[in-house]
Amino acid sequence: MIDATGNWYLPFLMSMGLLLLGGLSAFLMHPERPFTEAEGRLPSGKVVAAE
């Protein structure tokens, strides 16, 4: 992008946007909540013989 435009402004703004997106997504994470199993899947910890 720098080669095409000769300008560092756009790549700098894109990297700032990615950093802001990562910072905002950190507030959406909830490590205290367990994962819920999808329907039709076996619960973890169960051993199933291979067919």
PDB file of N, CA and C in Angstrom:
ATOM      1  N   MET A   1       0.830  -1.183   0.000  1.00  0.00           N
ATOM      2  CA  MET A   1       0.000   0.000   0.000  1.00  0.00           C
ATOM      3  C   MET A   1       0.876   1.250   0.000  1.00  0.00           C
ATOM      4  N   ILE A   2       1.968   1.172   0.716  1.00  0.00           N
ATOM      5  CA  ILE A   2       2.887   2.311   0.748  1.00  0.00           C
ATOM      6  C   ILE A   2       3.543   2.499  -0.611  1.00  0.00           C
ATOM      7  N   ASP A   3       3.881   1.379  -1.258  1.00  0.00           N
ATOM      8  CA  ASP A   3       4.482   1.461  -2.590  1.00  0.00           C
ATOM      9  C   ASP A   3       3.512   2.059  -3.608  1.00  0.00           C
ATOM     10  N   ALA A   4       2.244   1.731  -3.463  1.00  0.00           N
ATOM     11  CA  ALA A   4       1.253   2.216  -4.426  1.00  0.00           C
ATOM     12  C   ALA A   4       0.937   3.694  -4.226  1.00  0.00           C
ATOM     13  N   THR A   5       0.853   4.125  -2.969  1.00  0.00           N
ATOM     14  CA  THR A   5       0.448   5.505  -2.712  1.00  0.00           C
ATOM     15  C   THR A   5       1.611   6.427  -2.377  1.00  0.00           C
ATOM     16  N   GLY A   6       2.702   5.849  -1.885  1.00  0.00           N
ATOM     17  CA  GLY A   6       3.830   6.671  -1.454  1.00  0.00           C
ATOM     18  C   GLY A   6       3.551   7.405  -0.153  1.00  0.00           C
ATOM     19  N   ASN A   7       2.544   6.940   0.572  1.00  0.00           N
ATOM     20  CA  ASN A   7       2.113   7.623   1.779  1.00  0.00           C
ATOM     21  C   ASN A   7       1.972   6.609   2.914  1.00  0.00           C
ATOM     22  N   TRP A   8       2.426   6.965   4.106  1.00  0.00           N
ATOM     23  CA  TRP A   8       2.338   6.095   5.273  1.00  0.00           C
ATOM     24  C   TRP A   8       1.053   6.333   6.055  1.00  0.00           C
ATOM     25  N   TYR A   9       0.253   7.299   5.669  1.00  0.00           N
ATOM     26  CA  TYR A   9      -0.917   7.690   6.444  1.00  0.00           C
ATOM     27  C   TYR A   9      -1.962   6.574   6.527  1.00  0.00           C
ATOM     28  N   LEU A  10      -2.321   5.971   5.416  1.00  0.00           N
ATOM     29  CA  LEU A  10      -3.353   4.935   5.404  1.00  0.00           C
ATOM     30  C   LEU A  10      -2.926   3.676   6.164  1.00  0.00           C
ATOM     31  N   PRO A  11      -1.728   3.136   5.958  1.00  0.00           N
ATOM     32  CA  PRO A  11      -1.326   1.966   6.754  1.00  0.00           C
ATOM     33  C   PRO A  11      -1.270   2.273   8.251  1.00  0.00           C
ATOM     34  N   PHE A  12      -0.878   3.488   8.601  1.00  0.00           N
ATOM     35  CA  PHE A  12      -0.839   3.867  10.002  1.00  0.00           C
ATOM     36  C   PHE A  12      -2.248   3.891  10.588  1.00  0.00           C
ATOM     37  N   LEU A  13      -3.207   4.440   9.853  1.00  0.00           N
ATOM     38  CA  LEU A  13      -4.594   4.457  10.320  1.00  0.00           C
ATOM     39  C   LEU A  13      -5.171   3.045  10.420  1.00  0.00           C
ATOM     40  N   MET A  14      -4.818   2.179   9.493  1.00  0.00           N
ATOM     41  CA  MET A  14      -5.300   0.801   9.544  1.00  0.00           C
ATOM     42  C   MET A  14      -4.748   0.070  10.765  1.00  0.00           C
ATOM     43  N   SER A  15      -3.484   0.282  11.090  1.00  0.00           N
ATOM     44  CA  SER A  15      -2.920  -0.370  12.270  1.00  0.00           C
ATOM     45  C   SER A  15      -3.548   0.184  13.543  1.00  0.00           C
ATOM     46  N   MET A  16      -3.860   1.471  13.570  1.00  0.00           N
ATOM     47  CA  MET A  16      -4.553   2.037  14.725  1.00  0.00           C
ATOM     48  C   MET A  16      -5.940   1.423  14.871  1.00  0.00           C
ATOM     49  N   GLY A  17      -6.634   1.214  13.760  1.00  0.00           N
ATOM     50  CA  GLY A  17      -7.954   0.596  13.796  1.00  0.00           C
ATOM     51  C   GLY A  17      -7.913  -0.829  14.323  1.00  0.00           C
ATOM     52  N   LEU A  18      -6.902  -1.587  13.896  1.00  0.00           N
ATOM     53  CA  LEU A  18      -6.764  -2.954  14.390  1.00  0.00           C
ATOM     54  C   LEU A  18      -6.462  -2.984  15.883  1.00  0.00           C
ATOM     55  N   LEU A  19      -5.626  -2.072  16.333  1.00  0.00           N
ATOM     56  CA  LEU A  19      -5.323  -2.002  17.767  1.00  0.00           C
ATOM     57  C   LEU A  19      -6.562  -1.634  18.575  1.00  0.00           C
ATOM     58  N   LEU A  20      -7.354  -0.701  18.081  1.00  0.00           N
ATOM     59  CA  LEU A  20      -8.586  -0.325  18.775  1.00  0.00           C
ATOM     60  C   LEU A  20      -9.589  -1.476  18.783  1.00  0.00           C
ATOM     61  N   LEU A  21      -9.690  -2.193  17.674  1.00  0.00           N
ATOM     62  CA  LEU A  21     -10.590  -3.336  17.598  1.00  0.00           C
ATOM     63  C   LEU A  21     -10.178  -4.414  18.602  1.00  0.00           C
ATOM     64  N   GLY A  22      -8.893  -4.668  18.712  1.00  0.00           N
ATOM     65  CA  GLY A  22      -8.412  -5.648  19.685  1.00  0.00           C
ATOM     66  C   GLY A  22      -8.664  -5.208  21.115  1.00  0.00           C
ATOM     67  N   GLY A  23      -8.464  -3.926  21.384  1.00  0.00           N
ATOM     68  CA  GLY A  23      -8.723  -3.421  22.730  1.00  0.00           C
ATOM     69  C   GLY A  23     -10.189  -3.478  23.098  1.00  0.00           C
ATOM     70  N   LEU A  24     -11.060  -3.157  22.149  1.00  0.00           N
ATOM     71  CA  LEU A  24     -12.496  -3.219  22.420  1.00  0.00           C
ATOM     72  C   LEU A  24     -12.993  -4.654  22.557  1.00  0.00           C
ATOM     73  N   SER A  25     -12.431  -5.555  21.779  1.00  0.00           N
ATOM     74  CA  SER A  25     -12.864  -6.951  21.868  1.00  0.00           C
ATOM     75  C   SER A  25     -12.446  -7.581  23.193  1.00  0.00           C
ATOM     76  N   ALA A  26     -11.416  -7.053  23.841  1.00  0.00           N
ATOM     77  CA  ALA A  26     -11.014  -7.576  25.142  1.00  0.00           C
ATOM     78  C   ALA A  26     -12.105  -7.356  26.187  1.00  0.00           C
ATOM     79  N   PHE A  27     -12.892  -6.304  26.026  1.00  0.00           N
ATOM     80  CA  PHE A  27     -13.974  -6.045  26.968  1.00  0.00           C
ATOM     81  C   PHE A  27     -15.174  -6.965  26.731  1.00  0.00           C
ATOM     82  N   LEU A  28     -15.234  -7.618  25.573  1.00  0.00           N
ATOM     83  CA  LEU A  28     -16.341  -8.525  25.278  1.00  0.00           C
ATOM     84  C   LEU A  28     -16.067  -9.949  25.747  1.00  0.00           C
ATOM     85  N   MET A  29     -14.850 -10.234  26.175  1.00  0.00           N
ATOM     86  CA  MET A  29     -14.493 -11.572  26.626  1.00  0.00           C
ATOM     87  C   MET A  29     -14.925 -11.747  28.084  1.00  0.00           C
ATOM     88  N   HIS A  30     -15.447 -12.932  28.384  1.00  0.00           N
ATOM     89  CA  HIS A  30     -15.878 -13.247  29.743  1.00  0.00           C
ATOM     90  C   HIS A  30     -15.273 -14.589  30.145  1.00  0.00           C
ATOM     91  N   PRO A  31     -14.068 -14.582  30.729  1.00  0.00           N
ATOM     92  CA  PRO A  31     -13.423 -15.850  31.076  1.00  0.00           C
ATOM     93  C   PRO A  31     -14.130 -16.592  32.203  1.00  0.00           C
ATOM     94  N   GLU A  32     -14.994 -15.919  32.954  1.00  0.00           N
ATOM     95  CA  GLU A  32     -15.688 -16.601  34.046  1.00  0.00           C
ATOM     96  C   GLU A  32     -16.847 -17.459  33.542  1.00  0.00           C
ATOM     97  N   ARG A  33     -17.286 -17.258  32.306  1.00  0.00           N
ATOM     98  CA  ARG A  33     -18.383 -18.042  31.735  1.00  0.00           C
ATOM     99  C   ARG A  33     -17.843 -19.310  31.083  1.00  0.00           C
ATOM    100  N   PRO A  34     -18.423 -20.463  31.397  1.00  0.00           N
ATOM    101  CA  PRO A  34     -17.980 -21.695  30.720  1.00  0.00           C
ATOM    102  C   PRO A  34     -18.542 -21.756  29.308  1.00  0.00           C
ATOM    103  N   PHE A  35     -17.896 -22.525  28.463  1.00  0.00           N
ATOM    104  CA  PHE A  35     -18.395 -22.741  27.117  1.00  0.00           C
ATOM    105  C   PHE A  35     -19.629 -23.629  27.192  1.00  0.00           C
ATOM    106  N   THR A  36     -20.601 -23.365  26.346  1.00  0.00           N
ATOM    107  CA  THR A  36     -21.770 -24.237  26.283  1.00  0.00           C
ATOM    108  C   THR A  36     -21.570 -25.201  25.131  1.00  0.00           C
ATOM    109  N   GLU A  37     -21.965 -26.432  25.349  1.00  0.00           N
ATOM    110  CA  GLU A  37     -21.821 -27.450  24.316  1.00  0.00           C
ATOM    111  C   GLU A  37     -22.932 -27.288  23.286  1.00  0.00           C
ATOM    112  N   ALA A  38     -22.592 -27.465  22.055  1.00  0.00           N
ATOM    113  CA  ALA A  38     -23.591 -27.420  20.991  1.00  0.00           C
ATOM    114  C   ALA A  38     -24.429 -28.690  21.052  1.00  0.00           C
ATOM    115  N   GLU A  39     -25.679 -28.596  20.623  1.00  0.00           N
ATOM    116  CA  GLU A  39     -26.554 -29.764  20.642  1.00  0.00           C
ATOM    117  C   GLU A  39     -26.029 -30.823  19.690  1.00  0.00           C
ATOM    118  N   GLY A  40     -26.117 -32.071  20.121  1.00  0.00           N
ATOM    119  CA  GLY A  40     -25.684 -33.167  19.269  1.00  0.00           C
ATOM    120  C   GLY A  40     -24.231 -33.554  19.484  1.00  0.00           C
ATOM    121  N   ARG A  41     -23.524 -32.810  20.261  1.00  0.00           N
ATOM    122  CA  ARG A  41     -22.130 -33.146  20.540  1.00  0.00           C
ATOM    123  C   ARG A  41     -22.042 -33.862  21.879  1.00  0.00           C
ATOM    124  N   LEU A  42     -21.010 -34.677  22.010  1.00  0.00           N
ATOM    125  CA  LEU A  42     -20.798 -35.374  23.271  1.00  0.00           C
ATOM    126  C   LEU A  42     -20.173 -34.427  24.283  1.00  0.00           C
ATOM    127  N   PRO A  43     -20.557 -34.551  25.548  1.00  0.00           N
ATOM    128  CA  PRO A  43     -19.911 -33.708  26.558  1.00  0.00           C
ATOM    129  C   PRO A  43     -18.440 -34.076  26.695  1.00  0.00           C
ATOM    130  N   SER A  44     -17.636 -33.111  27.056  1.00  0.00           N
ATOM    131  CA  SER A  44     -16.201 -33.369  27.161  1.00  0.00           C
ATOM    132  C   SER A  44     -15.934 -34.344  28.305  1.00  0.00           C
ATOM    133  N   GLY A  45     -14.890 -35.123  28.168  1.00  0.00           N
ATOM    134  CA  GLY A  45     -14.516 -36.077  29.187  1.00  0.00           C
ATOM    135  C   GLY A  45     -15.043 -37.481  28.910  1.00  0.00           C
ATOM    136  N   LYS A  46     -15.922 -37.639  27.957  1.00  0.00           N
ATOM    137  CA  LYS A  46     -16.452 -38.955  27.616  1.00  0.00           C
ATOM    138  C   LYS A  46     -15.559 -39.587  26.565  1.00  0.00           C
ATOM    139  N   VAL A  47     -15.222 -40.855  26.774  1.00  0.00           N
ATOM    140  CA  VAL A  47     -14.398 -41.583  25.821  1.00  0.00           C
ATOM    141  C   VAL A  47     -15.310 -42.397  24.921  1.00  0.00           C
ATOM    142  N   VAL A  48     -15.084 -42.302  23.620  1.00  0.00           N
ATOM    143  CA  VAL A  48     -15.898 -43.012  22.646  1.00  0.00           C
ATOM    144  C   VAL A  48     -14.962 -43.868  21.803  1.00  0.00           C
ATOM    145  N   ALA A  49     -15.346 -45.120  21.615  1.00  0.00           N
ATOM    146  CA  ALA A  49     -14.523 -46.024  20.805  1.00  0.00           C
ATOM    147  C   ALA A  49     -14.594 -45.614  19.332  1.00  0.00           C
ATOM    148  N   ALA A  50     -13.455 -45.715  18.655  1.00  0.00           N
ATOM    149  CA  ALA A  50     -13.405 -45.391  17.228  1.00  0.00           C
ATOM    150  C   ALA A  50     -14.097 -46.483  16.441  1.00  0.00           C
ATOM    151  N   GLU A  51     -14.756 -46.126  15.377  1.00  0.00           N
ATOM    152  CA  GLU A  51     -15.460 -47.109  14.549  1.00  0.00           C
ATOM    153  C   GLU A  51     -14.600 -47.607  13.430  1.00  0.00           C
TER     154      GLU A  51
END
